[in-house]
Amino acid sequence: MAYRFFALDTKIGPVAFAAIPKCGQHTMAALGAVELSFDKIEQFPIRMVFIRDPLDRLSSCFHFFLHTKYGIDRKHINSYESFIDWALDSDDEHVLPQCELFSRYHFKRRFLISDMDKVLGLLTGENIPHENSANRFDIDQSYRLSEIRDRYTEDFDMVSEVLNGVY
């Protein structure tokens, strides 16, 4: 899978943001960001990425698939369990580990998706509404949890590093 990113004009100049599904792509587009292929990344000295807790990202993705006509066989979203069965074996970008969707070398400034409205607000001077805040925590996320932790180990580590200010 080829890396992609969004370019957004900000108060500090153009900034590149890694394009990770379920990590603010719609917010970026709404702000006028342009999606570009990775071969243009060197033109952007400032590069950031918003990452998300893997369990929250999976839950968000499950709800996204439930409520859209995204091209996934409906049998894979009959339940959260059937979705996880599919996700653990899928190479769909919505469920791939985030660390596989951006270059950690190029995107060293990392923020949690929960801080996106604040960070983008500071960069653009605009009031960024907190998007996609539906309550998705009514799902029992213990199903195949050890396998989820195994597949998304690096993602869990990245979230922990951001939370602890070590990256």
N, C-alpha and C. Protein backbone atom coordinates (compact mmCIF):
# COMPACT_ATOMS: atom_id res chain seq x y z
N MET A 1 0.84 -1.18 0.00
CA MET A 1 0.00 0.00 0.00
C MET A 1 0.89 1.24 0.00
N ALA A 2 0.58 2.16 -0.88
CA ALA A 2 1.35 3.40 -0.99
C ALA A 2 0.91 4.38 0.09
N TYR A 3 1.88 5.07 0.65
CA TYR A 3 1.57 6.12 1.62
C TYR A 3 0.90 7.28 0.90
N ARG A 4 0.00 7.97 1.62
CA ARG A 4 -0.65 9.17 1.12
C ARG A 4 -0.64 10.20 2.25
N PHE A 5 -0.85 11.46 1.87
CA PHE A 5 -0.92 12.48 2.90
C PHE A 5 -1.79 13.62 2.44
N PHE A 6 -2.18 14.45 3.40
CA PHE A 6 -2.92 15.66 3.12
C PHE A 6 -2.00 16.85 3.29
N ALA A 7 -2.15 17.84 2.43
CA ALA A 7 -1.44 19.10 2.56
C ALA A 7 -2.45 20.17 2.92
N LEU A 8 -2.13 20.93 3.96
CA LEU A 8 -3.04 21.98 4.43
C LEU A 8 -2.26 23.26 4.66
N ASP A 9 -2.77 24.36 4.11
CA ASP A 9 -2.16 25.66 4.39
C ASP A 9 -2.57 26.08 5.79
N THR A 10 -1.58 26.50 6.58
CA THR A 10 -1.84 26.90 7.96
C THR A 10 -1.17 28.24 8.23
N LYS A 11 -1.34 28.73 9.45
CA LYS A 11 -0.71 29.99 9.86
C LYS A 11 0.81 29.89 9.88
N ILE A 12 1.35 28.68 9.97
CA ILE A 12 2.81 28.50 9.98
C ILE A 12 3.34 28.02 8.64
N GLY A 13 2.48 28.01 7.63
CA GLY A 13 2.87 27.55 6.30
C GLY A 13 2.22 26.21 5.99
N PRO A 14 2.57 25.63 4.85
CA PRO A 14 1.97 24.36 4.49
C PRO A 14 2.44 23.23 5.41
N VAL A 15 1.49 22.40 5.81
CA VAL A 15 1.79 21.27 6.70
C VAL A 15 1.27 20.00 6.04
N ALA A 16 2.04 18.94 6.13
CA ALA A 16 1.63 17.63 5.64
C ALA A 16 1.12 16.79 6.80
N PHE A 17 -0.01 16.14 6.59
CA PHE A 17 -0.60 15.24 7.58
C PHE A 17 -0.77 13.87 6.94
N ALA A 18 -0.31 12.83 7.60
CA ALA A 18 -0.47 11.48 7.07
C ALA A 18 -1.95 11.16 6.92
N ALA A 19 -2.29 10.48 5.85
CA ALA A 19 -3.68 10.08 5.58
C ALA A 19 -3.92 8.69 6.13
N ILE A 20 -4.64 8.63 7.24
CA ILE A 20 -4.97 7.36 7.88
C ILE A 20 -6.48 7.28 8.03
N PRO A 21 -7.12 6.29 7.40
CA PRO A 21 -8.58 6.18 7.54
C PRO A 21 -8.99 6.06 9.01
N LYS A 22 -10.08 6.73 9.34
CA LYS A 22 -10.66 6.79 10.69
C LYS A 22 -9.79 7.61 11.64
N CYS A 23 -8.96 8.48 11.05
CA CYS A 23 -8.12 9.37 11.86
C CYS A 23 -8.18 10.80 11.32
N GLY A 24 -9.38 11.27 10.99
CA GLY A 24 -9.57 12.67 10.67
C GLY A 24 -9.52 13.06 9.21
N GLN A 25 -9.58 12.12 8.30
CA GLN A 25 -9.51 12.47 6.89
C GLN A 25 -10.66 13.38 6.46
N HIS A 26 -11.85 13.14 6.97
CA HIS A 26 -13.00 13.98 6.59
C HIS A 26 -12.84 15.40 7.13
N THR A 27 -12.28 15.53 8.31
CA THR A 27 -12.03 16.85 8.88
C THR A 27 -11.01 17.59 8.02
N MET A 28 -9.95 16.90 7.61
CA MET A 28 -8.94 17.51 6.76
C MET A 28 -9.56 18.01 5.45
N ALA A 29 -10.37 17.16 4.84
CA ALA A 29 -11.01 17.55 3.58
C ALA A 29 -11.92 18.76 3.77
N ALA A 30 -12.64 18.80 4.87
CA ALA A 30 -13.54 19.92 5.15
C ALA A 30 -12.77 21.22 5.32
N LEU A 31 -11.52 21.14 5.75
CA LEU A 31 -10.69 22.33 5.91
C LEU A 31 -10.01 22.76 4.61
N GLY A 32 -10.25 22.00 3.56
CA GLY A 32 -9.65 22.34 2.27
C GLY A 32 -8.32 21.67 2.00
N ALA A 33 -7.96 20.70 2.83
CA ALA A 33 -6.71 19.98 2.60
C ALA A 33 -6.81 19.19 1.31
N VAL A 34 -5.68 19.04 0.66
CA VAL A 34 -5.60 18.32 -0.60
C VAL A 34 -4.84 17.02 -0.36
N GLU A 35 -5.38 15.91 -0.82
CA GLU A 35 -4.68 14.64 -0.67
C GLU A 35 -3.66 14.49 -1.79
N LEU A 36 -2.44 14.11 -1.40
CA LEU A 36 -1.35 13.97 -2.36
C LEU A 36 -0.67 12.61 -2.22
N SER A 37 0.01 12.23 -3.27
CA SER A 37 0.78 10.99 -3.20
C SER A 37 2.09 11.26 -2.47
N PHE A 38 2.68 10.20 -1.97
CA PHE A 38 3.83 10.31 -1.09
C PHE A 38 5.08 10.87 -1.79
N ASP A 39 5.13 10.81 -3.10
CA ASP A 39 6.32 11.30 -3.80
C ASP A 39 6.52 12.80 -3.66
N LYS A 40 5.55 13.52 -3.12
CA LYS A 40 5.65 14.96 -2.92
C LYS A 40 5.98 15.34 -1.47
N ILE A 41 6.20 14.36 -0.62
CA ILE A 41 6.35 14.61 0.82
C ILE A 41 7.56 15.50 1.14
N GLU A 42 8.63 15.39 0.39
CA GLU A 42 9.84 16.16 0.69
C GLU A 42 9.63 17.67 0.55
N GLN A 43 8.55 18.07 -0.12
CA GLN A 43 8.25 19.50 -0.28
C GLN A 43 7.71 20.12 1.01
N PHE A 44 7.43 19.31 2.01
CA PHE A 44 6.80 19.79 3.24
C PHE A 44 7.73 19.58 4.43
N PRO A 45 8.34 20.66 4.91
CA PRO A 45 9.25 20.50 6.06
C PRO A 45 8.50 20.21 7.36
N ILE A 46 7.23 20.58 7.43
CA ILE A 46 6.45 20.31 8.65
C ILE A 46 5.47 19.19 8.33
N ARG A 47 5.59 18.09 9.12
CA ARG A 47 4.77 16.90 8.87
C ARG A 47 4.26 16.37 10.19
N MET A 48 2.97 16.07 10.21
CA MET A 48 2.33 15.59 11.44
C MET A 48 1.42 14.41 11.12
N VAL A 49 1.09 13.69 12.17
CA VAL A 49 0.14 12.59 12.01
C VAL A 49 -0.76 12.54 13.24
N PHE A 50 -2.03 12.28 12.99
CA PHE A 50 -2.98 12.04 14.07
C PHE A 50 -3.19 10.53 14.14
N ILE A 51 -3.01 9.98 15.33
CA ILE A 51 -3.19 8.54 15.52
C ILE A 51 -4.32 8.30 16.50
N ARG A 52 -4.79 7.07 16.52
CA ARG A 52 -5.95 6.74 17.33
C ARG A 52 -5.72 5.42 18.04
N ASP A 53 -6.27 5.32 19.24
CA ASP A 53 -6.22 4.05 19.96
C ASP A 53 -6.81 2.97 19.05
N PRO A 54 -6.12 1.85 18.86
CA PRO A 54 -6.60 0.83 17.93
C PRO A 54 -8.00 0.30 18.24
N LEU A 55 -8.34 0.13 19.51
CA LEU A 55 -9.69 -0.36 19.83
C LEU A 55 -10.75 0.67 19.45
N ASP A 56 -10.47 1.93 19.71
CA ASP A 56 -11.41 2.98 19.32
C ASP A 56 -11.51 3.07 17.81
N ARG A 57 -10.39 2.92 17.12
CA ARG A 57 -10.40 2.97 15.66
C ARG A 57 -11.20 1.81 15.08
N LEU A 58 -11.04 0.61 15.62
CA LEU A 58 -11.81 -0.54 15.15
C LEU A 58 -13.31 -0.34 15.41
N SER A 59 -13.64 0.17 16.58
CA SER A 59 -15.05 0.43 16.90
C SER A 59 -15.63 1.47 15.94
N SER A 60 -14.88 2.52 15.69
CA SER A 60 -15.32 3.56 14.76
C SER A 60 -15.50 2.99 13.36
N CYS A 61 -14.58 2.16 12.95
CA CYS A 61 -14.65 1.55 11.63
C CYS A 61 -15.87 0.63 11.52
N PHE A 62 -16.12 -0.15 12.53
CA PHE A 62 -17.30 -1.02 12.55
C PHE A 62 -18.56 -0.20 12.37
N HIS A 63 -18.70 0.88 13.13
CA HIS A 63 -19.88 1.74 13.02
C HIS A 63 -19.95 2.44 11.66
N PHE A 64 -18.80 2.83 11.13
CA PHE A 64 -18.75 3.44 9.80
C PHE A 64 -19.29 2.45 8.76
N PHE A 65 -18.81 1.21 8.81
CA PHE A 65 -19.28 0.20 7.86
C PHE A 65 -20.76 -0.11 8.03
N LEU A 66 -21.23 -0.09 9.27
CA LEU A 66 -22.65 -0.35 9.53
C LEU A 66 -23.55 0.70 8.88
N HIS A 67 -23.09 1.95 8.87
CA HIS A 67 -23.95 3.05 8.46
C HIS A 67 -23.64 3.62 7.09
N THR A 68 -22.76 2.98 6.34
CA THR A 68 -22.46 3.43 4.98
C THR A 68 -22.57 2.25 4.03
N LYS A 69 -22.45 2.53 2.79
CA LYS A 69 -22.48 1.47 1.79
C LYS A 69 -21.07 1.17 1.29
N TYR A 70 -20.12 1.25 2.20
CA TYR A 70 -18.74 0.93 1.86
C TYR A 70 -18.68 -0.50 1.34
N GLY A 71 -17.79 -0.76 0.43
CA GLY A 71 -17.73 -2.06 -0.25
C GLY A 71 -17.23 -3.22 0.57
N ILE A 72 -17.91 -3.54 1.63
CA ILE A 72 -17.56 -4.70 2.44
C ILE A 72 -18.80 -5.60 2.47
N ASP A 73 -18.58 -6.88 2.35
CA ASP A 73 -19.68 -7.84 2.41
C ASP A 73 -20.41 -7.68 3.74
N ARG A 74 -21.70 -7.50 3.69
CA ARG A 74 -22.50 -7.24 4.89
C ARG A 74 -22.38 -8.35 5.93
N LYS A 75 -22.02 -9.56 5.51
CA LYS A 75 -21.88 -10.65 6.49
C LYS A 75 -20.75 -10.37 7.48
N HIS A 76 -19.80 -9.50 7.08
CA HIS A 76 -18.68 -9.18 7.96
C HIS A 76 -19.04 -8.15 9.01
N ILE A 77 -20.23 -7.57 8.92
CA ILE A 77 -20.63 -6.57 9.91
C ILE A 77 -21.98 -6.93 10.54
N ASN A 78 -22.31 -8.21 10.55
CA ASN A 78 -23.52 -8.66 11.25
C ASN A 78 -23.40 -8.43 12.75
N SER A 79 -22.18 -8.46 13.22
CA SER A 79 -21.91 -8.25 14.64
C SER A 79 -20.47 -7.72 14.76
N TYR A 80 -20.16 -7.19 15.92
CA TYR A 80 -18.79 -6.73 16.15
C TYR A 80 -17.83 -7.91 16.03
N GLU A 81 -18.25 -9.07 16.49
CA GLU A 81 -17.39 -10.25 16.43
C GLU A 81 -17.09 -10.64 14.99
N SER A 82 -18.11 -10.64 14.12
CA SER A 82 -17.86 -10.98 12.71
C SER A 82 -16.97 -9.93 12.04
N PHE A 83 -17.13 -8.68 12.46
CA PHE A 83 -16.27 -7.62 11.94
C PHE A 83 -14.82 -7.86 12.36
N ILE A 84 -14.59 -8.17 13.62
CA ILE A 84 -13.23 -8.42 14.11
C ILE A 84 -12.63 -9.63 13.41
N ASP A 85 -13.42 -10.70 13.20
CA ASP A 85 -12.92 -11.85 12.46
C ASP A 85 -12.40 -11.42 11.09
N TRP A 86 -13.16 -10.58 10.42
CA TRP A 86 -12.77 -10.07 9.10
C TRP A 86 -11.55 -9.15 9.23
N ALA A 87 -11.59 -8.21 10.16
CA ALA A 87 -10.56 -7.18 10.29
C ALA A 87 -9.18 -7.78 10.58
N LEU A 88 -9.14 -8.81 11.39
CA LEU A 88 -7.85 -9.40 11.75
C LEU A 88 -7.14 -10.04 10.57
N ASP A 89 -7.89 -10.37 9.53
CA ASP A 89 -7.29 -10.97 8.33
C ASP A 89 -7.29 -10.04 7.12
N SER A 90 -7.83 -8.85 7.27
CA SER A 90 -8.02 -7.96 6.14
C SER A 90 -6.82 -7.05 5.89
N ASP A 91 -6.66 -6.68 4.63
CA ASP A 91 -5.67 -5.66 4.29
C ASP A 91 -6.35 -4.37 3.84
N ASP A 92 -7.63 -4.21 4.18
CA ASP A 92 -8.34 -2.97 3.91
C ASP A 92 -7.71 -1.85 4.73
N GLU A 93 -7.49 -0.71 4.11
CA GLU A 93 -6.78 0.38 4.79
C GLU A 93 -7.50 0.88 6.04
N HIS A 94 -8.80 0.64 6.14
CA HIS A 94 -9.54 1.08 7.33
C HIS A 94 -9.17 0.28 8.58
N VAL A 95 -8.64 -0.92 8.37
CA VAL A 95 -8.33 -1.78 9.52
C VAL A 95 -6.86 -2.18 9.58
N LEU A 96 -6.07 -1.76 8.61
CA LEU A 96 -4.63 -2.02 8.71
C LEU A 96 -4.06 -1.27 9.91
N PRO A 97 -3.04 -1.80 10.53
CA PRO A 97 -2.39 -1.03 11.59
C PRO A 97 -1.96 0.33 11.05
N GLN A 98 -2.15 1.35 11.86
CA GLN A 98 -1.81 2.71 11.45
C GLN A 98 -0.34 2.83 11.08
N CYS A 99 0.51 2.13 11.80
CA CYS A 99 1.95 2.22 11.55
C CYS A 99 2.31 1.74 10.14
N GLU A 100 1.43 0.99 9.49
CA GLU A 100 1.67 0.54 8.12
C GLU A 100 1.20 1.57 7.09
N LEU A 101 0.54 2.63 7.55
CA LEU A 101 -0.06 3.59 6.63
C LEU A 101 0.70 4.92 6.54
N PHE A 102 1.75 5.06 7.31
CA PHE A 102 2.56 6.26 7.21
C PHE A 102 4.01 5.93 7.56
N SER A 103 4.89 6.77 7.07
CA SER A 103 6.31 6.62 7.34
C SER A 103 6.65 7.29 8.67
N ARG A 104 7.07 6.51 9.64
CA ARG A 104 7.43 7.09 10.93
C ARG A 104 8.66 7.99 10.82
N TYR A 105 9.47 7.75 9.82
CA TYR A 105 10.63 8.60 9.58
C TYR A 105 10.17 10.00 9.14
N HIS A 106 9.18 10.06 8.27
CA HIS A 106 8.71 11.34 7.74
C HIS A 106 7.71 12.05 8.65
N PHE A 107 6.99 11.31 9.46
CA PHE A 107 5.95 11.90 10.32
C PHE A 107 6.30 11.64 11.78
N LYS A 108 7.20 12.46 12.30
CA LYS A 108 7.66 12.27 13.68
C LYS A 108 6.81 13.00 14.69
N ARG A 109 6.11 14.04 14.28
CA ARG A 109 5.21 14.77 15.19
C ARG A 109 3.87 14.05 15.21
N ARG A 110 3.58 13.45 16.35
CA ARG A 110 2.36 12.64 16.47
C ARG A 110 1.44 13.23 17.53
N PHE A 111 0.16 13.19 17.21
CA PHE A 111 -0.86 13.67 18.13
C PHE A 111 -1.99 12.65 18.16
N LEU A 112 -2.70 12.61 19.27
CA LEU A 112 -3.88 11.76 19.36
C LEU A 112 -5.03 12.42 18.61
N ILE A 113 -5.88 11.62 18.02
CA ILE A 113 -7.03 12.13 17.28
C ILE A 113 -7.93 12.97 18.20
N SER A 114 -7.93 12.67 19.47
CA SER A 114 -8.75 13.44 20.42
C SER A 114 -8.27 14.88 20.55
N ASP A 115 -7.04 15.17 20.12
CA ASP A 115 -6.51 16.53 20.16
C ASP A 115 -6.58 17.23 18.81
N MET A 116 -7.17 16.58 17.83
CA MET A 116 -7.19 17.12 16.48
C MET A 116 -7.83 18.50 16.41
N ASP A 117 -8.98 18.66 17.07
CA ASP A 117 -9.67 19.95 17.00
C ASP A 117 -8.79 21.07 17.58
N LYS A 118 -8.10 20.80 18.67
CA LYS A 118 -7.23 21.81 19.27
C LYS A 118 -6.02 22.12 18.39
N VAL A 119 -5.35 21.09 17.91
CA VAL A 119 -4.15 21.27 17.09
C VAL A 119 -4.50 22.00 15.79
N LEU A 120 -5.53 21.52 15.10
CA LEU A 120 -5.91 22.18 13.85
C LEU A 120 -6.43 23.59 14.09
N GLY A 121 -7.10 23.81 15.21
CA GLY A 121 -7.56 25.15 15.56
C GLY A 121 -6.40 26.11 15.73
N LEU A 122 -5.35 25.66 16.42
CA LEU A 122 -4.16 26.51 16.59
C LEU A 122 -3.46 26.77 15.26
N LEU A 123 -3.39 25.76 14.41
CA LEU A 123 -2.69 25.90 13.14
C LEU A 123 -3.45 26.76 12.13
N THR A 124 -4.77 26.68 12.16
CA THR A 124 -5.56 27.39 11.15
C THR A 124 -6.20 28.66 11.67
N GLY A 125 -6.33 28.80 12.98
CA GLY A 125 -7.03 29.94 13.55
C GLY A 125 -8.53 29.80 13.47
N GLU A 126 -9.00 28.63 13.07
CA GLU A 126 -10.43 28.37 12.94
C GLU A 126 -10.94 27.57 14.13
N ASN A 127 -12.23 27.68 14.37
CA ASN A 127 -12.88 26.86 15.39
C ASN A 127 -13.21 25.52 14.74
N ILE A 128 -12.52 24.50 15.16
CA ILE A 128 -12.70 23.16 14.57
C ILE A 128 -13.64 22.37 15.47
N PRO A 129 -14.82 22.04 14.97
CA PRO A 129 -15.75 21.27 15.81
C PRO A 129 -15.23 19.86 16.04
N HIS A 130 -15.53 19.34 17.20
CA HIS A 130 -15.15 17.95 17.52
C HIS A 130 -16.09 17.04 16.74
N GLU A 131 -15.56 16.34 15.77
CA GLU A 131 -16.36 15.50 14.87
C GLU A 131 -16.45 14.07 15.38
N ASN A 132 -17.43 13.38 14.84
CA ASN A 132 -17.52 11.93 14.99
C ASN A 132 -17.43 11.50 16.45
N SER A 133 -18.21 12.13 17.27
CA SER A 133 -18.13 11.84 18.70
C SER A 133 -19.27 10.94 19.19
N ALA A 134 -19.79 10.11 18.29
CA ALA A 134 -20.85 9.20 18.70
C ALA A 134 -20.33 8.22 19.75
N ASN A 135 -21.18 7.87 20.69
CA ASN A 135 -20.80 6.93 21.72
C ASN A 135 -20.76 5.52 21.13
N ARG A 136 -19.56 4.95 21.06
CA ARG A 136 -19.40 3.62 20.50
C ARG A 136 -18.94 2.63 21.56
N PHE A 137 -19.02 3.00 22.80
CA PHE A 137 -18.45 2.16 23.83
C PHE A 137 -19.43 1.15 24.42
N ASP A 138 -20.56 0.96 23.74
CA ASP A 138 -21.50 -0.04 24.20
C ASP A 138 -21.15 -1.42 23.64
N ILE A 139 -20.04 -1.52 22.95
CA ILE A 139 -19.57 -2.78 22.37
C ILE A 139 -18.61 -3.45 23.34
N ASP A 140 -18.78 -4.74 23.51
CA ASP A 140 -17.82 -5.50 24.31
C ASP A 140 -16.60 -5.75 23.44
N GLN A 141 -15.51 -5.07 23.72
CA GLN A 141 -14.32 -5.14 22.90
C GLN A 141 -13.34 -6.23 23.35
N SER A 142 -13.79 -7.16 24.15
CA SER A 142 -12.89 -8.20 24.64
C SER A 142 -12.72 -9.35 23.65
N TYR A 143 -13.57 -9.42 22.63
CA TYR A 143 -13.50 -10.51 21.66
C TYR A 143 -12.16 -10.49 20.92
N ARG A 144 -11.42 -11.59 21.01
CA ARG A 144 -10.13 -11.78 20.35
C ARG A 144 -9.14 -10.68 20.69
N LEU A 145 -9.26 -10.17 21.91
CA LEU A 145 -8.44 -9.03 22.33
C LEU A 145 -6.95 -9.32 22.25
N SER A 146 -6.52 -10.50 22.62
CA SER A 146 -5.08 -10.78 22.56
C SER A 146 -4.58 -10.76 21.11
N GLU A 147 -5.40 -11.22 20.18
CA GLU A 147 -5.00 -11.18 18.77
C GLU A 147 -5.00 -9.74 18.24
N ILE A 148 -5.95 -8.94 18.72
CA ILE A 148 -5.97 -7.52 18.35
C ILE A 148 -4.71 -6.85 18.88
N ARG A 149 -4.37 -7.13 20.13
CA ARG A 149 -3.16 -6.54 20.72
C ARG A 149 -1.92 -6.96 19.95
N ASP A 150 -1.89 -8.22 19.48
CA ASP A 150 -0.75 -8.69 18.71
C ASP A 150 -0.64 -7.96 17.36
N ARG A 151 -1.75 -7.87 16.65
CA ARG A 151 -1.71 -7.25 15.32
C ARG A 151 -1.40 -5.75 15.41
N TYR A 152 -1.90 -5.09 16.43
CA TYR A 152 -1.78 -3.63 16.53
C TYR A 152 -0.78 -3.20 17.61
N THR A 153 0.18 -4.06 17.92
CA THR A 153 1.17 -3.76 18.98
C THR A 153 1.84 -2.42 18.76
N GLU A 154 2.32 -2.17 17.56
CA GLU A 154 3.02 -0.91 17.29
C GLU A 154 2.09 0.29 17.44
N ASP A 155 0.83 0.12 17.05
CA ASP A 155 -0.14 1.21 17.20
C ASP A 155 -0.39 1.51 18.68
N PHE A 156 -0.57 0.47 19.48
CA PHE A 156 -0.76 0.67 20.92
C PHE A 156 0.48 1.36 21.51
N ASP A 157 1.66 0.94 21.04
CA ASP A 157 2.90 1.56 21.53
C ASP A 157 2.98 3.04 21.15
N MET A 158 2.60 3.37 19.92
CA MET A 158 2.63 4.77 19.49
C MET A 158 1.69 5.63 20.34
N VAL A 159 0.50 5.12 20.62
CA VAL A 159 -0.46 5.87 21.46
C VAL A 159 0.14 6.08 22.83
N SER A 160 0.73 5.05 23.38
CA SER A 160 1.36 5.15 24.71
C SER A 160 2.50 6.17 24.69
N GLU A 161 3.31 6.17 23.64
CA GLU A 161 4.41 7.13 23.53
C GLU A 161 3.89 8.56 23.51
N VAL A 162 2.81 8.80 22.75
CA VAL A 162 2.24 10.15 22.68
C VAL A 162 1.69 10.54 24.06
N LEU A 163 0.99 9.63 24.69
CA LEU A 163 0.43 9.92 26.01
C LEU A 163 1.51 10.24 27.03
N ASN A 164 2.66 9.58 26.89
CA ASN A 164 3.76 9.77 27.84
C ASN A 164 4.80 10.78 27.35
N GLY A 165 4.56 11.38 26.17
CA GLY A 165 5.49 12.38 25.66
C GLY A 165 6.84 11.83 25.28
N VAL A 166 6.88 10.54 24.93
CA VAL A 166 8.15 9.89 24.58
C VAL A 166 8.06 9.33 23.17
N TYR A 167 8.60 10.09 22.21
CA TYR A 167 8.66 9.60 20.83
C TYR A 167 9.62 10.40 20.01
